[in-house]
Amino acid sequence: MTEQGLVVATKDTSATVQFVRTSACARCGACSLASESRAMLLEVENTLHARVGQRVEITLDGGNMLRASAIAYLIPLLGLLAGALAGPAAAELFAPPLPSDITAACLAIAGALAGYLVLRLLNPRLARSRRYEPRMQRILDADTDA
């Protein structure tokens, strides 16, 4: 995926780039869509030494974006499903047996929380790989006096 944006701030080795959210971006949902605003800010490594006011091209590999989404959604979902499926069997371990639906719901919540814990533990490793980060590809403006 390739987008163009305007550098609105720089600090040390990073740049804050402002984008106008496109329809393709809205369908993806990989970036924070919490705001209804069409403008979106993204901090990227400023490998090209872009200056404030310059337009830049930012890319994110589609395959990596899909893998990142799968990791973020599937790990907690698998924990939730494992907990829900283990609920009826776990309910029978107690004397007298607990209601299986309540046990399944509690274990499903615990499984989802365990999935989020796994994500939290994986996060430093994934962040170090820099594989899932957008990259500044090129400066679109020839004007460097901005």
N, C-alpha and C. Protein backbone atom coordinates (compact mmCIF):
# COMPACT_ATOMS: atom_id res chain seq x y z
N MET A 1 0.85 -1.17 0.00
CA MET A 1 0.00 0.00 0.00
C MET A 1 0.90 1.24 0.00
N THR A 2 0.58 2.19 -0.84
CA THR A 2 1.36 3.42 -0.95
C THR A 2 0.43 4.61 -0.75
N GLU A 3 0.85 5.53 0.10
CA GLU A 3 0.09 6.75 0.35
C GLU A 3 1.03 7.94 0.29
N GLN A 4 0.46 9.10 0.01
CA GLN A 4 1.23 10.34 0.00
C GLN A 4 0.74 11.22 1.13
N GLY A 5 1.69 11.90 1.77
CA GLY A 5 1.32 12.76 2.88
C GLY A 5 2.24 13.95 2.99
N LEU A 6 1.88 14.84 3.89
CA LEU A 6 2.61 16.08 4.12
C LEU A 6 3.32 16.00 5.46
N VAL A 7 4.62 16.27 5.47
CA VAL A 7 5.38 16.28 6.71
C VAL A 7 4.97 17.52 7.49
N VAL A 8 4.43 17.31 8.70
CA VAL A 8 3.96 18.43 9.52
C VAL A 8 4.87 18.69 10.71
N ALA A 9 5.75 17.74 11.02
CA ALA A 9 6.70 17.93 12.13
C ALA A 9 7.84 16.94 11.99
N THR A 10 9.00 17.32 12.49
CA THR A 10 10.14 16.42 12.55
C THR A 10 10.75 16.50 13.94
N LYS A 11 11.29 15.38 14.38
CA LYS A 11 11.95 15.35 15.69
C LYS A 11 12.97 14.22 15.65
N ASP A 12 14.22 14.58 15.90
CA ASP A 12 15.32 13.62 15.89
C ASP A 12 15.31 12.84 14.57
N THR A 13 15.03 11.54 14.63
CA THR A 13 15.07 10.71 13.42
C THR A 13 13.68 10.34 12.93
N SER A 14 12.65 11.02 13.42
CA SER A 14 11.29 10.69 12.97
C SER A 14 10.60 11.91 12.37
N ALA A 15 9.56 11.61 11.61
CA ALA A 15 8.75 12.66 11.00
C ALA A 15 7.28 12.33 11.23
N THR A 16 6.48 13.34 11.49
CA THR A 16 5.04 13.17 11.58
C THR A 16 4.45 13.58 10.24
N VAL A 17 3.74 12.63 9.62
CA VAL A 17 3.19 12.84 8.29
C VAL A 17 1.68 12.86 8.40
N GLN A 18 1.05 13.86 7.76
CA GLN A 18 -0.40 13.98 7.75
C GLN A 18 -0.93 13.46 6.42
N PHE A 19 -1.92 12.58 6.51
CA PHE A 19 -2.56 12.00 5.33
C PHE A 19 -4.02 12.39 5.30
N VAL A 20 -4.58 12.39 4.11
CA VAL A 20 -6.02 12.46 3.97
C VAL A 20 -6.46 11.03 3.74
N ARG A 21 -7.27 10.52 4.63
CA ARG A 21 -7.69 9.13 4.58
C ARG A 21 -8.49 8.88 3.30
N THR A 22 -8.04 7.89 2.52
CA THR A 22 -8.73 7.52 1.28
C THR A 22 -9.73 6.41 1.56
N SER A 23 -10.54 6.07 0.55
CA SER A 23 -11.50 4.99 0.73
C SER A 23 -10.79 3.66 0.95
N ALA A 24 -9.65 3.45 0.29
CA ALA A 24 -8.88 2.22 0.49
C ALA A 24 -8.38 2.14 1.93
N CYS A 25 -7.97 3.26 2.47
CA CYS A 25 -7.48 3.32 3.84
C CYS A 25 -8.62 3.00 4.81
N ALA A 26 -9.79 3.52 4.54
CA ALA A 26 -10.93 3.28 5.43
C ALA A 26 -11.32 1.80 5.42
N ARG A 27 -11.23 1.14 4.29
CA ARG A 27 -11.56 -0.29 4.22
C ARG A 27 -10.56 -1.13 4.98
N CYS A 28 -9.30 -0.74 4.95
CA CYS A 28 -8.25 -1.52 5.59
C CYS A 28 -8.42 -1.54 7.10
N GLY A 29 -8.49 -0.37 7.71
CA GLY A 29 -8.66 -0.28 9.15
C GLY A 29 -7.41 -0.58 9.95
N ALA A 30 -6.26 -0.73 9.31
CA ALA A 30 -5.03 -1.07 10.03
C ALA A 30 -4.56 0.08 10.90
N CYS A 31 -4.82 1.29 10.48
CA CYS A 31 -4.38 2.44 11.28
C CYS A 31 -5.55 2.92 12.12
N SER A 32 -5.26 3.76 13.07
CA SER A 32 -6.27 4.17 14.04
C SER A 32 -7.42 4.90 13.36
N LEU A 33 -8.57 4.28 13.36
CA LEU A 33 -9.76 4.89 12.76
C LEU A 33 -10.72 5.38 13.84
N ALA A 34 -10.18 5.63 15.03
CA ALA A 34 -11.04 6.07 16.13
C ALA A 34 -11.65 7.44 15.84
N SER A 35 -10.96 8.24 15.10
CA SER A 35 -11.45 9.58 14.80
C SER A 35 -12.26 9.56 13.51
N GLU A 36 -13.27 10.38 13.46
CA GLU A 36 -14.08 10.50 12.26
C GLU A 36 -13.45 11.44 11.24
N SER A 37 -12.41 12.13 11.64
CA SER A 37 -11.74 13.08 10.77
C SER A 37 -11.10 12.36 9.59
N ARG A 38 -11.07 13.02 8.43
CA ARG A 38 -10.43 12.43 7.26
C ARG A 38 -8.92 12.59 7.34
N ALA A 39 -8.43 13.49 8.18
CA ALA A 39 -6.99 13.68 8.34
C ALA A 39 -6.46 12.67 9.35
N MET A 40 -5.26 12.17 9.07
CA MET A 40 -4.66 11.16 9.94
C MET A 40 -3.18 11.48 10.07
N LEU A 41 -2.64 11.35 11.28
CA LEU A 41 -1.23 11.58 11.52
C LEU A 41 -0.53 10.25 11.76
N LEU A 42 0.67 10.14 11.22
CA LEU A 42 1.45 8.91 11.36
C LEU A 42 2.91 9.29 11.57
N GLU A 43 3.53 8.69 12.56
CA GLU A 43 4.94 8.95 12.82
C GLU A 43 5.76 7.85 12.16
N VAL A 44 6.71 8.24 11.32
CA VAL A 44 7.57 7.29 10.61
C VAL A 44 9.03 7.71 10.79
N GLU A 45 9.92 6.76 10.57
CA GLU A 45 11.34 7.06 10.61
C GLU A 45 11.67 7.95 9.42
N ASN A 46 12.37 9.05 9.67
CA ASN A 46 12.68 10.03 8.64
C ASN A 46 14.01 9.66 7.96
N THR A 47 13.99 8.56 7.22
CA THR A 47 15.20 8.06 6.58
C THR A 47 15.68 8.95 5.44
N LEU A 48 14.79 9.77 4.88
CA LEU A 48 15.14 10.63 3.75
C LEU A 48 15.43 12.07 4.19
N HIS A 49 15.39 12.33 5.48
CA HIS A 49 15.63 13.67 6.03
C HIS A 49 14.66 14.70 5.44
N ALA A 50 13.41 14.31 5.34
CA ALA A 50 12.37 15.22 4.83
C ALA A 50 12.17 16.36 5.82
N ARG A 51 11.78 17.50 5.29
CA ARG A 51 11.55 18.69 6.12
C ARG A 51 10.06 19.00 6.19
N VAL A 52 9.70 19.77 7.17
CA VAL A 52 8.31 20.20 7.33
C VAL A 52 7.86 20.90 6.06
N GLY A 53 6.68 20.54 5.58
CA GLY A 53 6.12 21.13 4.38
C GLY A 53 6.33 20.30 3.13
N GLN A 54 7.19 19.32 3.17
CA GLN A 54 7.43 18.48 1.99
C GLN A 54 6.42 17.34 1.93
N ARG A 55 6.06 16.99 0.70
CA ARG A 55 5.18 15.84 0.48
C ARG A 55 6.05 14.61 0.30
N VAL A 56 5.66 13.52 0.95
CA VAL A 56 6.43 12.28 0.89
C VAL A 56 5.52 11.11 0.54
N GLU A 57 6.15 10.06 0.05
CA GLU A 57 5.44 8.82 -0.26
C GLU A 57 5.80 7.80 0.82
N ILE A 58 4.78 7.21 1.42
CA ILE A 58 4.95 6.23 2.48
C ILE A 58 4.40 4.89 1.98
N THR A 59 5.13 3.81 2.22
CA THR A 59 4.66 2.49 1.81
C THR A 59 4.59 1.55 3.00
N LEU A 60 3.66 0.61 2.91
CA LEU A 60 3.54 -0.48 3.86
C LEU A 60 3.20 -1.71 3.04
N ASP A 61 4.05 -2.72 3.15
CA ASP A 61 3.85 -3.94 2.40
C ASP A 61 2.51 -4.56 2.78
N GLY A 62 1.69 -4.86 1.78
CA GLY A 62 0.36 -5.42 2.01
C GLY A 62 0.40 -6.76 2.73
N GLY A 63 1.37 -7.60 2.39
CA GLY A 63 1.49 -8.90 3.06
C GLY A 63 1.82 -8.75 4.52
N ASN A 64 2.72 -7.83 4.84
CA ASN A 64 3.06 -7.59 6.24
C ASN A 64 1.89 -7.00 7.00
N MET A 65 1.12 -6.13 6.33
CA MET A 65 -0.04 -5.54 6.98
C MET A 65 -1.07 -6.63 7.30
N LEU A 66 -1.24 -7.56 6.38
CA LEU A 66 -2.17 -8.67 6.60
C LEU A 66 -1.69 -9.56 7.74
N ARG A 67 -0.39 -9.84 7.79
CA ARG A 67 0.17 -10.66 8.87
C ARG A 67 0.00 -9.96 10.22
N ALA A 68 0.26 -8.66 10.26
CA ALA A 68 0.11 -7.92 11.52
C ALA A 68 -1.35 -7.95 11.99
N SER A 69 -2.28 -7.78 11.07
CA SER A 69 -3.70 -7.84 11.44
C SER A 69 -4.07 -9.23 11.94
N ALA A 70 -3.56 -10.26 11.28
CA ALA A 70 -3.85 -11.63 11.69
C ALA A 70 -3.31 -11.89 13.09
N ILE A 71 -2.10 -11.43 13.36
CA ILE A 71 -1.52 -11.62 14.69
C ILE A 71 -2.37 -10.91 15.74
N ALA A 72 -2.74 -9.67 15.45
CA ALA A 72 -3.47 -8.86 16.43
C ALA A 72 -4.87 -9.39 16.72
N TYR A 73 -5.52 -9.99 15.73
CA TYR A 73 -6.89 -10.46 15.92
C TYR A 73 -6.98 -11.94 16.24
N LEU A 74 -6.15 -12.76 15.63
CA LEU A 74 -6.31 -14.20 15.78
C LEU A 74 -5.83 -14.73 17.12
N ILE A 75 -4.76 -14.19 17.67
CA ILE A 75 -4.26 -14.72 18.95
C ILE A 75 -5.32 -14.57 20.05
N PRO A 76 -5.91 -13.40 20.27
CA PRO A 76 -6.96 -13.32 21.30
C PRO A 76 -8.20 -14.14 20.93
N LEU A 77 -8.53 -14.20 19.64
CA LEU A 77 -9.69 -14.99 19.22
C LEU A 77 -9.48 -16.47 19.50
N LEU A 78 -8.29 -16.97 19.22
CA LEU A 78 -8.00 -18.37 19.51
C LEU A 78 -8.06 -18.65 21.01
N GLY A 79 -7.58 -17.72 21.81
CA GLY A 79 -7.69 -17.87 23.26
C GLY A 79 -9.13 -17.89 23.72
N LEU A 80 -9.95 -17.02 23.14
CA LEU A 80 -11.37 -16.97 23.47
C LEU A 80 -12.05 -18.28 23.11
N LEU A 81 -11.80 -18.78 21.91
CA LEU A 81 -12.43 -20.04 21.47
C LEU A 81 -11.95 -21.22 22.31
N ALA A 82 -10.66 -21.27 22.61
CA ALA A 82 -10.15 -22.37 23.43
C ALA A 82 -10.81 -22.36 24.81
N GLY A 83 -10.95 -21.19 25.40
CA GLY A 83 -11.61 -21.10 26.69
C GLY A 83 -13.06 -21.51 26.63
N ALA A 84 -13.76 -21.08 25.59
CA ALA A 84 -15.18 -21.43 25.45
C ALA A 84 -15.36 -22.93 25.24
N LEU A 85 -14.48 -23.54 24.46
CA LEU A 85 -14.59 -24.98 24.20
C LEU A 85 -14.19 -25.80 25.42
N ALA A 86 -13.28 -25.30 26.23
CA ALA A 86 -12.84 -26.02 27.43
C ALA A 86 -13.83 -25.86 28.57
N GLY A 87 -14.74 -24.93 28.49
CA GLY A 87 -15.68 -24.64 29.57
C GLY A 87 -16.50 -25.82 30.05
N PRO A 88 -17.20 -26.53 29.16
CA PRO A 88 -18.02 -27.66 29.63
C PRO A 88 -17.20 -28.75 30.31
N ALA A 89 -16.03 -29.07 29.78
CA ALA A 89 -15.19 -30.10 30.40
C ALA A 89 -14.67 -29.62 31.75
N ALA A 90 -14.31 -28.36 31.85
CA ALA A 90 -13.80 -27.82 33.11
C ALA A 90 -14.91 -27.76 34.16
N ALA A 91 -16.14 -27.53 33.74
CA ALA A 91 -17.26 -27.44 34.68
C ALA A 91 -17.47 -28.77 35.40
N GLU A 92 -17.19 -29.87 34.73
CA GLU A 92 -17.38 -31.20 35.31
C GLU A 92 -16.33 -31.54 36.36
N LEU A 93 -15.23 -30.81 36.41
CA LEU A 93 -14.16 -31.10 37.36
C LEU A 93 -14.52 -30.70 38.79
N PHE A 94 -15.54 -29.86 38.94
CA PHE A 94 -15.93 -29.40 40.26
C PHE A 94 -17.04 -30.28 40.82
N ALA A 95 -17.04 -30.41 42.15
CA ALA A 95 -18.11 -31.17 42.79
C ALA A 95 -18.83 -30.22 43.74
N PRO A 96 -20.08 -29.94 43.59
CA PRO A 96 -20.93 -30.32 42.47
C PRO A 96 -20.52 -29.56 41.20
N PRO A 97 -20.85 -30.11 40.03
CA PRO A 97 -20.48 -29.47 38.76
C PRO A 97 -21.03 -28.04 38.66
N LEU A 98 -20.23 -27.18 38.10
CA LEU A 98 -20.65 -25.80 37.87
C LEU A 98 -21.48 -25.74 36.59
N PRO A 99 -22.30 -24.70 36.44
CA PRO A 99 -23.03 -24.54 35.17
C PRO A 99 -22.02 -24.38 34.01
N SER A 100 -22.15 -25.22 33.00
CA SER A 100 -21.16 -25.25 31.92
C SER A 100 -21.14 -23.94 31.11
N ASP A 101 -22.29 -23.29 30.97
CA ASP A 101 -22.29 -22.05 30.19
C ASP A 101 -21.56 -20.92 30.91
N ILE A 102 -21.71 -20.85 32.22
CA ILE A 102 -21.00 -19.83 32.98
C ILE A 102 -19.50 -20.12 33.00
N THR A 103 -19.15 -21.39 33.15
CA THR A 103 -17.74 -21.77 33.14
C THR A 103 -17.13 -21.48 31.78
N ALA A 104 -17.87 -21.79 30.70
CA ALA A 104 -17.37 -21.52 29.35
C ALA A 104 -17.17 -20.02 29.14
N ALA A 105 -18.10 -19.21 29.61
CA ALA A 105 -17.97 -17.75 29.45
C ALA A 105 -16.76 -17.23 30.22
N CYS A 106 -16.58 -17.71 31.44
CA CYS A 106 -15.43 -17.25 32.25
C CYS A 106 -14.11 -17.69 31.63
N LEU A 107 -14.05 -18.92 31.15
CA LEU A 107 -12.82 -19.40 30.52
C LEU A 107 -12.57 -18.71 29.18
N ALA A 108 -13.63 -18.37 28.47
CA ALA A 108 -13.47 -17.65 27.20
C ALA A 108 -12.86 -16.27 27.46
N ILE A 109 -13.35 -15.58 28.48
CA ILE A 109 -12.78 -14.27 28.83
C ILE A 109 -11.33 -14.43 29.26
N ALA A 110 -11.05 -15.45 30.07
CA ALA A 110 -9.68 -15.70 30.52
C ALA A 110 -8.78 -16.04 29.33
N GLY A 111 -9.30 -16.81 28.37
CA GLY A 111 -8.52 -17.16 27.17
C GLY A 111 -8.21 -15.94 26.33
N ALA A 112 -9.19 -15.05 26.16
CA ALA A 112 -8.96 -13.82 25.40
C ALA A 112 -7.93 -12.94 26.10
N LEU A 113 -8.04 -12.83 27.43
CA LEU A 113 -7.05 -12.05 28.18
C LEU A 113 -5.66 -12.66 28.05
N ALA A 114 -5.59 -13.99 28.07
CA ALA A 114 -4.30 -14.66 27.88
C ALA A 114 -3.74 -14.35 26.49
N GLY A 115 -4.62 -14.30 25.48
CA GLY A 115 -4.20 -13.94 24.13
C GLY A 115 -3.63 -12.53 24.07
N TYR A 116 -4.28 -11.60 24.77
CA TYR A 116 -3.76 -10.23 24.81
C TYR A 116 -2.43 -10.16 25.56
N LEU A 117 -2.28 -10.99 26.58
CA LEU A 117 -1.00 -11.06 27.29
C LEU A 117 0.10 -11.57 26.37
N VAL A 118 -0.21 -12.57 25.57
CA VAL A 118 0.75 -13.09 24.60
C VAL A 118 1.15 -11.98 23.62
N LEU A 119 0.17 -11.21 23.14
CA LEU A 119 0.47 -10.09 22.24
C LEU A 119 1.38 -9.07 22.92
N ARG A 120 1.09 -8.79 24.18
CA ARG A 120 1.91 -7.81 24.91
C ARG A 120 3.35 -8.31 25.06
N LEU A 121 3.50 -9.61 25.28
CA LEU A 121 4.84 -10.18 25.40
C LEU A 121 5.56 -10.23 24.06
N LEU A 122 4.81 -10.42 22.96
CA LEU A 122 5.40 -10.46 21.62
C LEU A 122 5.73 -9.07 21.08
N ASN A 123 5.06 -8.05 21.59
CA ASN A 123 5.19 -6.70 21.04
C ASN A 123 6.62 -6.19 20.95
N PRO A 124 7.45 -6.32 21.99
CA PRO A 124 8.83 -5.81 21.85
C PRO A 124 9.60 -6.51 20.73
N ARG A 125 9.40 -7.79 20.60
CA ARG A 125 10.08 -8.54 19.54
C ARG A 125 9.61 -8.09 18.15
N LEU A 126 8.31 -7.93 18.00
CA LEU A 126 7.76 -7.50 16.71
C LEU A 126 8.18 -6.07 16.39
N ALA A 127 8.25 -5.21 17.39
CA ALA A 127 8.65 -3.82 17.18
C ALA A 127 10.11 -3.74 16.75
N ARG A 128 10.96 -4.58 17.33
CA ARG A 128 12.38 -4.58 16.95
C ARG A 128 12.58 -5.01 15.51
N SER A 129 11.72 -5.88 15.00
CA SER A 129 11.89 -6.37 13.63
C SER A 129 11.62 -5.27 12.60
N ARG A 130 10.83 -4.25 12.97
CA ARG A 130 10.49 -3.12 12.10
C ARG A 130 9.85 -3.58 10.79
N ARG A 131 9.45 -4.81 10.74
CA ARG A 131 8.84 -5.39 9.55
C ARG A 131 7.45 -4.84 9.27
N TYR A 132 6.76 -4.48 10.32
CA TYR A 132 5.37 -4.06 10.20
C TYR A 132 5.20 -2.55 10.22
N GLU A 133 6.28 -1.81 10.10
CA GLU A 133 6.21 -0.36 10.14
C GLU A 133 6.16 0.22 8.73
N PRO A 134 5.40 1.32 8.56
CA PRO A 134 5.42 2.03 7.29
C PRO A 134 6.81 2.64 7.06
N ARG A 135 7.18 2.78 5.80
CA ARG A 135 8.50 3.33 5.46
C ARG A 135 8.36 4.52 4.52
N MET A 136 9.23 5.50 4.72
CA MET A 136 9.28 6.66 3.85
C MET A 136 10.07 6.25 2.60
N GLN A 137 9.41 6.29 1.43
CA GLN A 137 10.04 5.84 0.18
C GLN A 137 10.76 6.96 -0.56
N ARG A 138 10.07 8.10 -0.73
CA ARG A 138 10.69 9.18 -1.48
C ARG A 138 10.02 10.51 -1.15
N ILE A 139 10.77 11.58 -1.42
CA ILE A 139 10.23 12.93 -1.27
C ILE A 139 9.67 13.34 -2.61
N LEU A 140 8.43 13.78 -2.62
CA LEU A 140 7.74 14.11 -3.87
C LEU A 140 8.00 15.54 -4.31
N ASP A 141 8.31 16.43 -3.37
CA ASP A 141 8.56 17.84 -3.70
C ASP A 141 10.04 18.04 -3.96
N ALA A 142 10.33 18.78 -5.00
CA ALA A 142 11.74 19.12 -5.26
C ALA A 142 12.18 20.27 -4.36
N ASP A 143 11.21 21.04 -3.84
CA ASP A 143 11.52 22.20 -3.00
C ASP A 143 12.00 21.74 -1.63
N THR A 144 13.23 22.01 -1.27
CA THR A 144 13.76 21.62 0.03
C THR A 144 13.86 22.81 0.99
N ASP A 145 13.34 23.97 0.58
CA ASP A 145 13.41 25.15 1.44
C ASP A 145 12.20 25.29 2.34
N ALA A 146 11.30 24.31 2.35
CA ALA A 146 10.07 24.41 3.11
C ALA A 146 10.32 24.43 4.59
